Amino acid sequence: MSIKIIAEITTYPVGEGTSLSKFVKEAAKEIDIYKGIRVIHHPMGTVIEADSLDIVFDVTKRAHEAILKTGAQRIVTQLRIDDRRDKSRKMEDKVAAISNER
């Protein structure tokens, strides 16, 4: 069974004004070039699907550091991990599970 870990990453600078898209864009670019993961960006963060916790942590670190490279002095990064080991599933399976129950 191929285990997939689903994680949500939100990262942004603090104290850099009201529009943060130029900073968040750099983090998103870093996530997008990471090989071997699936990515869905949404208005409040990014969801990734990866084969291991090490990959999730590495992607998160790279996104965080991409914002540091823009010159930001303070960054908030939040990470939520769904590590289910009893069955293999994808991001879309979680959405389908609640959509089909209606």
Protein backbone atom coordinates (compact mmCIF):
# COMPACT_ATOMS: atom_id res chain seq x y z
CA MET A 1 0.00 0.00 0.00
CA SER A 2 1.30 3.42 -0.94
CA ILE A 3 0.91 5.73 2.05
CA LYS A 4 0.08 9.32 1.23
CA ILE A 5 0.34 12.06 3.78
CA ILE A 6 -1.88 15.07 3.22
CA ALA A 7 -0.71 18.35 4.69
CA GLU A 8 -1.81 21.96 4.60
CA ILE A 9 0.84 24.68 4.63
CA THR A 10 0.16 28.33 5.31
CA THR A 11 3.08 30.74 5.46
CA TYR A 12 3.25 34.51 5.34
CA PRO A 13 5.33 37.42 6.63
CA VAL A 14 4.23 39.66 9.48
CA GLY A 15 4.77 43.41 9.47
CA GLU A 16 5.18 43.74 5.71
CA GLY A 17 1.98 45.67 4.94
CA THR A 18 -1.49 44.62 3.91
CA SER A 19 -0.78 42.94 0.55
CA LEU A 20 1.32 39.84 1.06
CA SER A 21 0.89 38.18 -2.34
CA LYS A 22 4.43 38.97 -3.53
CA PHE A 23 5.83 37.09 -0.52
CA VAL A 24 3.38 34.19 -0.67
CA LYS A 25 4.02 33.84 -4.41
CA GLU A 26 7.67 33.05 -3.69
CA ALA A 27 6.67 30.32 -1.23
CA ALA A 28 4.20 28.89 -3.75
CA LYS A 29 6.90 28.80 -6.45
CA GLU A 30 9.14 26.81 -4.13
CA ILE A 31 6.35 24.33 -3.41
CA ASP A 32 5.49 24.02 -7.12
CA ILE A 33 9.03 23.06 -8.17
CA TYR A 34 9.35 20.34 -5.52
CA LYS A 35 9.42 16.96 -7.26
CA GLY A 36 7.25 14.02 -6.22
CA ILE A 37 4.36 15.82 -4.53
CA ARG A 38 0.87 16.80 -5.61
CA VAL A 39 -0.19 20.38 -4.90
CA ILE A 40 -3.46 22.29 -4.65
CA HIS A 41 -3.26 26.01 -3.86
CA HIS A 42 -6.37 27.55 -2.34
CA PRO A 43 -7.21 31.05 -1.08
CA MET A 44 -5.94 30.42 2.45
CA GLY A 45 -2.96 28.12 1.91
CA THR A 46 -1.65 25.10 0.04
CA VAL A 47 -2.48 21.42 0.39
CA ILE A 48 0.16 18.88 -0.56
CA GLU A 49 0.16 15.11 -0.88
CA ALA A 50 3.48 13.40 -0.19
CA ASP A 51 4.91 9.94 0.48
CA SER A 52 6.61 10.77 3.78
CA LEU A 53 6.77 13.17 6.70
CA ASP A 54 10.33 14.06 5.72
CA ILE A 55 9.06 15.37 2.39
CA VAL A 56 6.29 17.37 4.09
CA PHE A 57 8.77 18.96 6.48
CA ASP A 58 11.27 19.69 3.69
CA VAL A 59 8.65 21.34 1.47
CA THR A 60 7.42 23.42 4.41
CA LYS A 61 10.95 24.52 5.28
CA ARG A 62 11.66 25.53 1.67
CA ALA A 63 8.44 27.57 1.47
CA HIS A 64 9.27 29.28 4.77
CA GLU A 65 12.81 30.07 3.64
CA ALA A 66 11.58 31.41 0.28
CA ILE A 67 9.81 34.18 2.19
CA LEU A 68 12.96 34.86 4.22
CA LYS A 69 14.84 35.33 0.95
CA THR A 70 12.48 38.19 0.04
CA GLY A 71 13.82 40.13 3.01
CA ALA A 72 10.95 39.54 5.41
CA GLN A 73 12.09 39.69 9.03
CA ARG A 74 9.21 37.81 10.65
CA ILE A 75 7.26 34.85 9.25
CA VAL A 76 4.38 32.75 10.50
CA THR A 77 4.19 29.20 9.13
CA GLN A 78 1.40 26.81 10.03
CA LEU A 79 1.42 23.12 9.15
CA ARG A 80 -1.45 20.64 9.54
CA ILE A 81 -0.72 17.00 8.82
CA ASP A 82 -3.15 14.15 8.14
CA ASP A 83 -1.03 10.99 8.37
CA ARG A 84 -3.44 8.08 7.93
CA ARG A 85 -1.77 4.66 7.81
CA ASP A 86 -4.72 2.27 7.55
CA LYS A 87 -5.52 3.05 3.91
CA SER A 88 -4.11 4.83 0.92
CA ARG A 89 -6.03 7.86 -0.30
CA LYS A 90 -5.68 11.15 -2.13
CA MET A 91 -6.71 14.72 -1.37
CA GLU A 92 -9.78 14.36 -3.56
CA ASP A 93 -10.92 11.33 -1.54
CA LYS A 94 -11.34 13.51 1.54
CA VAL A 95 -13.52 15.98 -0.36
CA ALA A 96 -15.53 13.20 -1.98
CA ALA A 97 -16.19 11.61 1.41
CA ILE A 98 -18.12 14.63 2.61
CA SER A 99 -19.70 15.43 -0.75
CA ASN A 100 -21.16 11.95 -1.17
CA GLU A 101 -22.76 11.91 2.29
CA ARG A 102 -25.06 14.84 1.55
